[in-house]
Amino acid sequence: MSLKSQIESLLFVANKPLNGKELAGFLKADKKAVEAELALLMQDYLDSASGLQIIESGDKYQLVSSAENSQVVSDFIHDETSGELSRPSLEALTIIAYRGPITKIDLDRIRGINCSLILRNLLIRGLIEEKSDKEKNETFYSVTLDFIRYLGINKVSDLPDYERLNHDDSIDKMIAATIQSETVNTEN
């Protein structure tokens, strides 16, 4: 796979802008080579009149939808953020409320599926927030004050059965069993 293709994939899955040094580190490549490929990739998007483009701010790059499609994207996001929450979104929000702060990987393990799109939707709606722990190199999700205000409670611990569900160790045991199973599967 080419360096340009790998850069494109990383920018696609990243939920934040990445700088050349970060990309070079992930790809174990020379920063100058990464920046040269980024320039080519940016030009490719411009030349093809794609619905995507790479924007640059200082030394950070992000893959975004093109400005020409802003209205259709805006309409879609409005529809996504103003309608009722789906059952999977409600389940994820409940887990975050009762078990948060929680990492994405633990949320994925509890729900048994990748929750990236659900987290994005909940973030856009302002119901959850993310905080990075640089020491652990992990991102944690918790409910926002807007979520608490919307429910009409004073604090998250006012949720029904909060103490019992927040401290229920059956979920911790299930996560530990999943981690052990994942470890065994990767060793085989």
Protein backbone atom coordinates (compact mmCIF):
# COMPACT_ATOMS: atom_id res chain seq x y z
CA MET A 1 0.00 0.00 0.00
CA SER A 2 1.37 3.44 -0.89
CA LEU A 3 2.26 6.10 1.65
CA LYS A 4 -0.31 8.44 0.07
CA SER A 5 -3.04 5.82 0.48
CA GLN A 6 -2.09 5.23 4.11
CA ILE A 7 -2.14 8.97 4.85
CA GLU A 8 -5.59 9.22 3.27
CA SER A 9 -6.88 6.35 5.42
CA LEU A 10 -5.53 7.89 8.63
CA LEU A 11 -7.06 11.28 7.84
CA PHE A 12 -10.37 9.54 7.07
CA VAL A 13 -10.61 7.76 10.43
CA ALA A 14 -9.12 10.54 12.58
CA ASN A 15 -11.69 12.56 14.46
CA LYS A 16 -9.28 15.49 14.76
CA PRO A 17 -6.66 17.24 12.65
CA LEU A 18 -3.27 15.51 12.51
CA ASN A 19 0.10 17.12 11.94
CA GLY A 20 2.89 15.82 9.74
CA LYS A 21 4.89 14.59 12.72
CA GLU A 22 1.95 12.54 14.05
CA LEU A 23 1.30 11.02 10.63
CA ALA A 24 5.00 10.22 10.16
CA GLY A 25 5.06 8.57 13.59
CA PHE A 26 2.00 6.41 12.89
CA LEU A 27 3.35 5.42 9.48
CA LYS A 28 6.97 5.03 10.58
CA ALA A 29 7.93 7.28 7.68
CA ASP A 30 10.02 10.38 7.13
CA LYS A 31 8.11 13.61 7.93
CA LYS A 32 9.27 15.29 4.70
CA ALA A 33 8.04 12.32 2.65
CA VAL A 34 4.68 12.45 4.46
CA GLU A 35 4.34 16.18 3.80
CA ALA A 36 5.23 15.69 0.11
CA GLU A 37 2.56 12.97 -0.23
CA LEU A 38 0.06 15.18 1.64
CA ALA A 39 0.62 17.95 -0.92
CA LEU A 40 0.02 15.48 -3.77
CA LEU A 41 -3.10 14.12 -2.06
CA MET A 42 -4.48 17.62 -1.53
CA GLN A 43 -3.96 18.37 -5.21
CA ASP A 44 -5.59 15.07 -6.23
CA TYR A 45 -8.75 16.08 -4.36
CA LEU A 46 -8.77 19.51 -5.99
CA ASP A 47 -8.20 18.10 -9.49
CA SER A 48 -10.93 15.46 -9.20
CA ALA A 49 -13.70 17.81 -7.98
CA SER A 50 -14.26 15.32 -5.17
CA GLY A 51 -16.83 15.69 -2.43
CA LEU A 52 -13.89 15.60 -0.05
CA GLN A 53 -10.89 17.82 0.45
CA ILE A 54 -7.94 18.08 2.79
CA ILE A 55 -7.67 21.33 4.66
CA GLU A 56 -4.49 22.63 6.24
CA SER A 57 -4.20 24.91 9.24
CA GLY A 58 -0.66 25.62 10.31
CA ASP A 59 0.95 22.20 10.38
CA LYS A 60 -2.31 20.25 10.87
CA TYR A 61 -4.34 18.48 8.21
CA GLN A 62 -7.89 17.16 8.17
CA LEU A 63 -10.05 15.38 5.62
CA VAL A 64 -13.39 17.20 5.35
CA SER A 65 -16.34 17.50 3.00
CA SER A 66 -15.88 20.05 0.22
CA ALA A 67 -17.28 23.54 0.58
CA GLU A 68 -19.48 23.04 -2.51
CA ASN A 69 -21.46 20.41 -0.61
CA SER A 70 -21.90 22.44 2.57
CA GLN A 71 -25.67 22.81 2.21
CA VAL A 72 -26.41 19.11 1.69
CA VAL A 73 -24.05 18.20 4.56
CA SER A 74 -25.65 20.85 6.78
CA ASP A 75 -29.13 19.50 5.99
CA PHE A 76 -28.02 15.95 6.76
CA ILE A 77 -26.39 16.93 10.07
CA HIS A 78 -29.46 18.93 11.06
CA ASP A 79 -31.63 15.89 10.39
CA GLU A 80 -29.19 13.63 12.29
CA THR A 81 -29.09 15.94 15.31
CA SER A 82 -32.70 17.04 15.57
CA GLY A 83 -34.54 13.76 15.22
CA GLU A 84 -35.13 11.24 17.95
CA LEU A 85 -32.21 9.19 19.18
CA SER A 86 -32.01 5.68 17.80
CA ARG A 87 -32.16 2.71 20.15
CA PRO A 88 -28.39 2.06 19.78
CA SER A 89 -27.69 5.74 20.57
CA LEU A 90 -29.91 5.58 23.65
CA GLU A 91 -28.15 2.40 24.80
CA ALA A 92 -24.72 3.97 24.38
CA LEU A 93 -25.84 7.18 26.11
CA THR A 94 -27.20 5.15 29.04
CA ILE A 95 -23.93 3.26 29.39
CA ILE A 96 -21.95 6.51 29.28
CA ALA A 97 -24.26 8.10 31.87
CA TYR A 98 -24.03 5.20 34.32
CA ARG A 99 -20.45 4.03 33.70
CA GLY A 100 -18.72 7.22 32.53
CA PRO A 101 -16.17 8.40 32.11
CA ILE A 102 -15.65 5.45 29.80
CA THR A 103 -13.31 4.74 26.89
CA LYS A 104 -14.60 3.98 23.41
CA ILE A 105 -13.06 0.52 23.49
CA ASP A 106 -14.90 -0.35 26.72
CA LEU A 107 -18.15 1.01 25.27
CA ASP A 108 -17.56 -1.10 22.14
CA ARG A 109 -16.95 -4.18 24.31
CA ILE A 110 -20.10 -3.63 26.36
CA ARG A 111 -22.29 -3.08 23.28
CA GLY A 112 -20.49 -5.66 21.12
CA ILE A 113 -20.19 -3.29 18.15
CA ASN A 114 -18.11 -0.33 16.97
CA CYS A 115 -19.70 2.81 18.44
CA SER A 116 -17.77 5.44 16.45
CA LEU A 117 -20.77 6.82 14.57
CA ILE A 118 -22.95 6.76 17.67
CA LEU A 119 -20.32 8.69 19.63
CA ARG A 120 -20.01 11.23 16.80
CA ASN A 121 -23.78 11.75 16.79
CA LEU A 122 -23.94 12.14 20.58
CA LEU A 123 -21.00 14.57 20.49
CA ILE A 124 -22.68 16.64 17.76
CA ARG A 125 -25.88 16.76 19.79
CA GLY A 126 -23.92 17.99 22.81
CA LEU A 127 -25.07 15.09 25.00
CA ILE A 128 -21.58 13.75 25.68
CA GLU A 129 -18.09 15.19 25.80
CA GLU A 130 -14.67 13.69 25.30
CA LYS A 131 -11.58 14.26 27.39
CA SER A 132 -8.12 13.01 26.56
CA ASP A 133 -5.84 11.47 29.16
CA LYS A 134 -2.38 12.05 27.73
CA GLU A 135 -0.70 9.77 30.31
CA LYS A 136 -2.87 6.79 29.36
CA ASN A 137 -3.14 7.93 25.72
CA GLU A 138 -6.90 7.33 25.83
CA THR A 139 -10.05 9.36 25.31
CA PHE A 140 -12.84 9.15 27.85
CA TYR A 141 -16.51 9.97 27.27
CA SER A 142 -18.95 11.33 29.82
CA VAL A 143 -22.33 13.06 29.72
CA THR A 144 -22.50 16.85 29.50
CA LEU A 145 -24.20 19.40 31.69
CA ASP A 146 -26.71 19.88 28.85
CA PHE A 147 -27.66 16.20 29.15
CA ILE A 148 -28.12 16.55 32.91
CA ARG A 149 -30.11 19.77 32.47
CA TYR A 150 -32.29 18.16 29.77
CA LEU A 151 -33.22 15.34 32.16
CA GLY A 152 -34.07 17.87 34.88
CA ILE A 153 -31.67 16.42 37.44
CA ASN A 154 -28.93 18.17 39.41
CA LYS A 155 -26.16 15.67 38.90
CA VAL A 156 -25.63 12.39 37.08
CA SER A 157 -25.80 10.46 40.36
CA ASP A 158 -29.48 11.50 40.59
CA LEU A 159 -30.29 9.01 37.80
CA PRO A 160 -32.51 6.09 38.90
CA ASP A 161 -30.51 3.26 40.53
CA TYR A 162 -27.28 5.14 39.79
CA GLU A 163 -25.28 3.83 42.76
CA ARG A 164 -26.22 0.21 42.12
CA LEU A 165 -25.62 0.33 38.36
CA ASN A 166 -22.50 2.49 38.55
CA HIS A 167 -20.81 0.07 40.93
CA ASP A 168 -22.13 -3.18 39.44
CA ASP A 169 -19.03 -5.31 38.89
CA SER A 170 -20.71 -7.69 36.43
CA ILE A 171 -19.89 -5.26 33.60
CA ASP A 172 -16.27 -5.04 34.76
CA LYS A 173 -16.10 -8.86 34.78
CA MET A 174 -17.61 -9.00 31.29
CA ILE A 175 -15.06 -6.47 29.98
CA ALA A 176 -12.20 -8.42 31.60
CA ALA A 177 -13.46 -11.66 30.00
CA THR A 178 -13.68 -9.93 26.61
CA ILE A 179 -10.14 -8.59 26.93
CA GLN A 180 -8.89 -12.06 27.89
CA SER A 181 -10.71 -13.58 24.91
CA GLU A 182 -9.26 -10.94 22.56
CA THR A 183 -5.77 -11.65 23.91
CA VAL A 184 -6.16 -15.41 23.38
CA ASN A 185 -7.48 -14.84 19.82
CA THR A 186 -4.55 -12.60 18.87
CA GLU A 187 -2.03 -15.10 20.30
CA ASN A 188 -3.44 -17.92 18.15
